[in-house]
Amino acid sequence: AKGADLGMGERSFLMPLKINKTDTSG
């Protein structure tokens, strides 16, 4: 079971990672 996502949205070398701070649905 994944439990939760760590990041949200696009992942790339040039983009800061947006962290999931609220979604606990898993």
PDB file of all heavy atoms in Angstrom:
ATOM      1  N   ALA A   1       0.859  -1.180   0.000  1.00  0.00           N
ATOM      2  CA  ALA A   1       0.000   0.000   0.000  1.00  0.00           C
ATOM      3  C   ALA A   1       0.896   1.231   0.000  1.00  0.00           C
ATOM      4  O   ALA A   1       1.858   1.302   0.773  1.00  0.00           O
ATOM      5  CB  ALA A   1      -0.923   0.010   1.208  1.00  0.00           C
ATOM      6  N   LYS A   2       0.582   2.170  -0.844  1.00  0.00           N
ATOM      7  CA  LYS A   2       1.394   3.386  -0.942  1.00  0.00           C
ATOM      8  C   LYS A   2       1.246   4.260   0.291  1.00  0.00           C
ATOM      9  O   LYS A   2       2.212   4.836   0.789  1.00  0.00           O
ATOM     10  CB  LYS A   2       1.012   4.164  -2.199  1.00  0.00           C
ATOM     11  CG  LYS A   2       1.933   5.321  -2.521  1.00  0.00           C
ATOM     12  CD  LYS A   2       1.561   5.929  -3.871  1.00  0.00           C
ATOM     13  CE  LYS A   2       2.598   6.930  -4.333  1.00  0.00           C
ATOM     14  NZ  LYS A   2       2.267   7.486  -5.665  1.00  0.00           N
ATOM     15  N   GLY A   3       0.030   4.391   0.774  1.00  0.00           N
ATOM     16  CA  GLY A   3      -0.219   5.186   1.973  1.00  0.00           C
ATOM     17  C   GLY A   3      -0.396   6.661   1.699  1.00  0.00           C
ATOM     18  O   GLY A   3      -1.338   7.286   2.181  1.00  0.00           O
ATOM     19  N   ALA A   4       0.505   7.239   0.928  1.00  0.00           N
ATOM     20  CA  ALA A   4       0.438   8.671   0.602  1.00  0.00           C
ATOM     21  C   ALA A   4       1.449   8.985  -0.483  1.00  0.00           C
ATOM     22  O   ALA A   4       2.427   8.252  -0.678  1.00  0.00           O
ATOM     23  CB  ALA A   4       0.717   9.527   1.834  1.00  0.00           C
ATOM     24  N   ASP A   5       1.195  10.065  -1.185  1.00  0.00           N
ATOM     25  CA  ASP A   5       2.176  10.593  -2.127  1.00  0.00           C
ATOM     26  C   ASP A   5       3.154  11.486  -1.380  1.00  0.00           C
ATOM     27  O   ASP A   5       2.781  12.185  -0.433  1.00  0.00           O
ATOM     28  CB  ASP A   5       1.491  11.405  -3.227  1.00  0.00           C
ATOM     29  CG  ASP A   5       0.748  10.531  -4.210  1.00  0.00           C
ATOM     30  OD1 ASP A   5       1.310   9.518  -4.643  1.00  0.00           O
ATOM     31  OD2 ASP A   5      -0.416  10.864  -4.534  1.00  0.00           O
ATOM     32  N   LEU A   6       4.402  11.464  -1.804  1.00  0.00           N
ATOM     33  CA  LEU A   6       5.398  12.363  -1.230  1.00  0.00           C
ATOM     34  C   LEU A   6       5.360  13.716  -1.926  1.00  0.00           C
ATOM     35  O   LEU A   6       5.256  14.765  -1.288  1.00  0.00           O
ATOM     36  CB  LEU A   6       6.788  11.748  -1.338  1.00  0.00           C
ATOM     37  CG  LEU A   6       7.975  12.600  -0.880  1.00  0.00           C
ATOM     38  CD1 LEU A   6       7.767  13.140   0.525  1.00  0.00           C
ATOM     39  CD2 LEU A   6       9.263  11.800  -0.968  1.00  0.00           C
ATOM     40  N   GLY A   7       5.434  13.681  -3.254  1.00  0.00           N
ATOM     41  CA  GLY A   7       5.395  14.906  -4.031  1.00  0.00           C
ATOM     42  C   GLY A   7       4.130  15.021  -4.843  1.00  0.00           C
ATOM     43  O   GLY A   7       3.379  14.057  -5.010  1.00  0.00           O
ATOM     44  N   MET A   8       3.902  16.220  -5.328  1.00  0.00           N
ATOM     45  CA  MET A   8       2.713  16.481  -6.135  1.00  0.00           C
ATOM     46  C   MET A   8       3.127  17.225  -7.396  1.00  0.00           C
ATOM     47  O   MET A   8       4.016  18.076  -7.369  1.00  0.00           O
ATOM     48  CB  MET A   8       1.705  17.324  -5.346  1.00  0.00           C
ATOM     49  CG  MET A   8       1.293  16.730  -4.013  1.00  0.00           C
ATOM     50  SD  MET A   8       0.355  17.885  -2.992  1.00  0.00           S
ATOM     51  CE  MET A   8      -1.100  18.116  -4.000  1.00  0.00           C
ATOM     52  N   GLY A   9       2.504  16.896  -8.500  1.00  0.00           N
ATOM     53  CA  GLY A   9       2.763  17.623  -9.737  1.00  0.00           C
ATOM     54  C   GLY A   9       4.032  17.177 -10.433  1.00  0.00           C
ATOM     55  O   GLY A   9       4.546  16.081 -10.221  1.00  0.00           O
ATOM     56  N   GLU A  10       4.578  18.081 -11.248  1.00  0.00           N
ATOM     57  CA  GLU A  10       5.713  17.768 -12.112  1.00  0.00           C
ATOM     58  C   GLU A  10       6.996  17.565 -11.322  1.00  0.00           C
ATOM     59  O   GLU A  10       7.253  18.250 -10.344  1.00  0.00           O
ATOM     60  CB  GLU A  10       5.900  18.903 -13.120  1.00  0.00           C
ATOM     61  CG  GLU A  10       7.022  18.670 -14.116  1.00  0.00           C
ATOM     62  CD  GLU A  10       7.196  19.841 -15.069  1.00  0.00           C
ATOM     63  OE1 GLU A  10       6.347  20.759 -15.036  1.00  0.00           O
ATOM     64  OE2 GLU A  10       8.178  19.840 -15.828  1.00  0.00           O
ATOM     65  N   ARG A  11       7.792  16.591 -11.750  1.00  0.00           N
ATOM     66  CA  ARG A  11       9.112  16.350 -11.181  1.00  0.00           C
ATOM     67  C   ARG A  11      10.140  16.537 -12.291  1.00  0.00           C
ATOM     68  O   ARG A  11      10.008  15.950 -13.346  1.00  0.00           O
ATOM     69  CB  ARG A  11       9.244  14.925 -10.638  1.00  0.00           C
ATOM     70  CG  ARG A  11       8.273  14.558  -9.564  1.00  0.00           C
ATOM     71  CD  ARG A  11       8.289  13.046  -9.320  1.00  0.00           C
ATOM     72  NE  ARG A  11       9.555  12.565  -8.804  1.00  0.00           N
ATOM     73  CZ  ARG A  11      10.459  11.894  -9.497  1.00  0.00           C
ATOM     74  NH1 ARG A  11      10.237  11.625 -10.764  1.00  0.00           N
ATOM     75  NH2 ARG A  11      11.579  11.476  -8.935  1.00  0.00           N
ATOM     76  N   SER A  12      11.179  17.341 -12.021  1.00  0.00           N
ATOM     77  CA  SER A  12      12.241  17.513 -13.012  1.00  0.00           C
ATOM     78  C   SER A  12      13.463  18.109 -12.350  1.00  0.00           C
ATOM     79  O   SER A  12      13.398  18.611 -11.221  1.00  0.00           O
ATOM     80  CB  SER A  12      11.786  18.423 -14.164  1.00  0.00           C
ATOM     81  OG  SER A  12      11.791  19.776 -13.769  1.00  0.00           O
ATOM     82  N   PHE A  13      14.573  18.059 -13.085  1.00  0.00           N
ATOM     83  CA  PHE A  13      15.838  18.608 -12.578  1.00  0.00           C
ATOM     84  C   PHE A  13      15.726  20.103 -12.310  1.00  0.00           C
ATOM     85  O   PHE A  13      16.334  20.633 -11.385  1.00  0.00           O
ATOM     86  CB  PHE A  13      16.952  18.336 -13.590  1.00  0.00           C
ATOM     87  CG  PHE A  13      18.288  18.876 -13.179  1.00  0.00           C
ATOM     88  CD1 PHE A  13      19.116  18.150 -12.342  1.00  0.00           C
ATOM     89  CD2 PHE A  13      18.727  20.122 -13.621  1.00  0.00           C
ATOM     90  CE1 PHE A  13      20.363  18.655 -11.950  1.00  0.00           C
ATOM     91  CE2 PHE A  13      19.960  20.629 -13.242  1.00  0.00           C
ATOM     92  CZ  PHE A  13      20.775  19.893 -12.402  1.00  0.00           C
ATOM     93  N   LEU A  14      14.938  20.806 -13.139  1.00  0.00           N
ATOM     94  CA  LEU A  14      14.903  22.260 -13.065  1.00  0.00           C
ATOM     95  C   LEU A  14      13.742  22.816 -12.254  1.00  0.00           C
ATOM     96  O   LEU A  14      13.617  24.028 -12.094  1.00  0.00           O
ATOM     97  CB  LEU A  14      14.843  22.846 -14.482  1.00  0.00           C
ATOM     98  CG  LEU A  14      16.096  22.647 -15.335  1.00  0.00           C
ATOM     99  CD1 LEU A  14      15.875  23.154 -16.742  1.00  0.00           C
ATOM    100  CD2 LEU A  14      17.298  23.348 -14.716  1.00  0.00           C
ATOM    101  N   MET A  15      12.879  21.946 -11.737  1.00  0.00           N
ATOM    102  CA  MET A  15      11.707  22.411 -11.016  1.00  0.00           C
ATOM    103  C   MET A  15      11.780  22.004  -9.549  1.00  0.00           C
ATOM    104  O   MET A  15      12.128  20.866  -9.225  1.00  0.00           O
ATOM    105  CB  MET A  15      10.436  21.811 -11.631  1.00  0.00           C
ATOM    106  CG  MET A  15      10.157  22.253 -13.056  1.00  0.00           C
ATOM    107  SD  MET A  15       9.651  23.990 -13.150  1.00  0.00           S
ATOM    108  CE  MET A  15       8.067  23.906 -12.330  1.00  0.00           C
ATOM    109  N   PRO A  16      11.436  22.895  -8.620  1.00  0.00           N
ATOM    110  CA  PRO A  16      11.354  22.491  -7.213  1.00  0.00           C
ATOM    111  C   PRO A  16      10.209  21.513  -7.015  1.00  0.00           C
ATOM    112  O   PRO A  16       9.164  21.616  -7.673  1.00  0.00           O
ATOM    113  CB  PRO A  16      11.098  23.818  -6.484  1.00  0.00           C
ATOM    114  CG  PRO A  16      10.472  24.713  -7.514  1.00  0.00           C
ATOM    115  CD  PRO A  16      11.089  24.320  -8.823  1.00  0.00           C
ATOM    116  N   LEU A  17      10.394  20.564  -6.122  1.00  0.00           N
ATOM    117  CA  LEU A  17       9.377  19.550  -5.878  1.00  0.00           C
ATOM    118  C   LEU A  17       8.324  20.104  -4.929  1.00  0.00           C
ATOM    119  O   LEU A  17       8.637  20.635  -3.867  1.00  0.00           O
ATOM    120  CB  LEU A  17      10.011  18.292  -5.275  1.00  0.00           C
ATOM    121  CG  LEU A  17       9.059  17.116  -5.053  1.00  0.00           C
ATOM    122  CD1 LEU A  17       8.680  16.486  -6.380  1.00  0.00           C
ATOM    123  CD2 LEU A  17       9.694  16.084  -4.131  1.00  0.00           C
ATOM    124  N   LYS A  18       7.070  19.965  -5.306  1.00  0.00           N
ATOM    125  CA  LYS A  18       5.972  20.372  -4.440  1.00  0.00           C
ATOM    126  C   LYS A  18       5.610  19.200  -3.539  1.00  0.00           C
ATOM    127  O   LYS A  18       5.269  18.123  -4.017  1.00  0.00           O
ATOM    128  CB  LYS A  18       4.763  20.808  -5.271  1.00  0.00           C
ATOM    129  CG  LYS A  18       3.619  21.367  -4.424  1.00  0.00           C
ATOM    130  CD  LYS A  18       2.468  21.841  -5.298  1.00  0.00           C
ATOM    131  CE  LYS A  18       1.333  22.402  -4.454  1.00  0.00           C
ATOM    132  NZ  LYS A  18       0.200  22.852  -5.303  1.00  0.00           N
ATOM    133  N   ILE A  19       5.676  19.408  -2.225  1.00  0.00           N
ATOM    134  CA  ILE A  19       5.468  18.329  -1.263  1.00  0.00           C
ATOM    135  C   ILE A  19       3.993  18.215  -0.890  1.00  0.00           C
ATOM    136  O   ILE A  19       3.307  19.217  -0.677  1.00  0.00           O
ATOM    137  CB  ILE A  19       6.305  18.580   0.011  1.00  0.00           C
ATOM    138  CG1 ILE A  19       7.802  18.626  -0.336  1.00  0.00           C
ATOM    139  CG2 ILE A  19       6.048  17.509   1.058  1.00  0.00           C
ATOM    140  CD1 ILE A  19       8.365  17.336  -0.860  1.00  0.00           C
ATOM    141  N   ASN A  20       3.515  16.985  -0.797  1.00  0.00           N
ATOM    142  CA  ASN A  20       2.164  16.725  -0.312  1.00  0.00           C
ATOM    143  C   ASN A  20       2.127  16.889   1.205  1.00  0.00           C
ATOM    144  O   ASN A  20       2.722  16.099   1.935  1.00  0.00           O
ATOM    145  CB  ASN A  20       1.740  15.310  -0.697  1.00  0.00           C
ATOM    146  CG  ASN A  20       0.479  14.871   0.020  1.00  0.00           C
ATOM    147  OD1 ASN A  20      -0.401  15.682   0.314  1.00  0.00           O
ATOM    148  ND2 ASN A  20       0.386  13.582   0.313  1.00  0.00           N
ATOM    149  N   LYS A  21       1.427  17.895   1.676  1.00  0.00           N
ATOM    150  CA  LYS A  21       1.347  18.163   3.103  1.00  0.00           C
ATOM    151  C   LYS A  21      -0.048  17.924   3.690  1.00  0.00           C
ATOM    152  O   LYS A  21      -0.240  18.077   4.897  1.00  0.00           O
ATOM    153  CB  LYS A  21       1.768  19.604   3.384  1.00  0.00           C
ATOM    154  CG  LYS A  21       3.199  19.912   2.994  1.00  0.00           C
ATOM    155  CD  LYS A  21       3.564  21.361   3.293  1.00  0.00           C
ATOM    156  CE  LYS A  21       5.001  21.661   2.888  1.00  0.00           C
ATOM    157  NZ  LYS A  21       5.362  23.085   3.162  1.00  0.00           N
ATOM    158  N   THR A  22      -0.999  17.541   2.846  1.00  0.00           N
ATOM    159  CA  THR A  22      -2.384  17.448   3.329  1.00  0.00           C
ATOM    160  C   THR A  22      -3.113  16.159   2.982  1.00  0.00           C
ATOM    161  O   THR A  22      -3.999  15.735   3.725  1.00  0.00           O
ATOM    162  CB  THR A  22      -3.196  18.622   2.771  1.00  0.00           C
ATOM    163  OG1 THR A  22      -3.136  18.603   1.331  1.00  0.00           O
ATOM    164  CG2 THR A  22      -2.653  19.956   3.273  1.00  0.00           C
ATOM    165  N   ASP A  23      -2.780  15.524   1.883  1.00  0.00           N
ATOM    166  CA  ASP A  23      -3.564  14.385   1.404  1.00  0.00           C
ATOM    167  C   ASP A  23      -3.199  13.102   2.149  1.00  0.00           C
ATOM    168  O   ASP A  23      -2.121  12.539   1.955  1.00  0.00           O
ATOM    169  CB  ASP A  23      -3.345  14.204  -0.096  1.00  0.00           C
ATOM    170  CG  ASP A  23      -4.211  13.087  -0.687  1.00  0.00           C
ATOM    171  OD1 ASP A  23      -5.040  12.515   0.055  1.00  0.00           O
ATOM    172  OD2 ASP A  23      -4.051  12.796  -1.883  1.00  0.00           O
ATOM    173  N   THR A  24      -4.097  12.647   3.011  1.00  0.00           N
ATOM    174  CA  THR A  24      -3.907  11.401   3.768  1.00  0.00           C
ATOM    175  C   THR A  24      -4.940  10.357   3.385  1.00  0.00           C
ATOM    176  O   THR A  24      -5.197   9.421   4.140  1.00  0.00           O
ATOM    177  CB  THR A  24      -3.983  11.685   5.274  1.00  0.00           C
ATOM    178  OG1 THR A  24      -5.274  12.235   5.580  1.00  0.00           O
ATOM    179  CG2 THR A  24      -2.910  12.664   5.711  1.00  0.00           C
ATOM    180  N   SER A  25      -5.508  10.507   2.208  1.00  0.00           N
ATOM    181  CA  SER A  25      -6.604   9.617   1.807  1.00  0.00           C
ATOM    182  C   SER A  25      -6.174   8.165   1.662  1.00  0.00           C
ATOM    183  O   SER A  25      -7.013   7.257   1.718  1.00  0.00           O
ATOM    184  CB  SER A  25      -7.215  10.111   0.493  1.00  0.00           C
ATOM    185  OG  SER A  25      -6.226  10.169  -0.533  1.00  0.00           O
ATOM    186  N   GLY A  26      -4.877   7.921   1.476  1.00  0.00           N
ATOM    187  CA  GLY A  26      -4.404   6.545   1.336  1.00  0.00           C
ATOM    188  C   GLY A  26      -4.053   5.866   2.644  1.00  0.00           C
ATOM    189  O   GLY A  26      -3.680   4.683   2.666  1.00  0.00           O
TER     190      GLY A  26
END
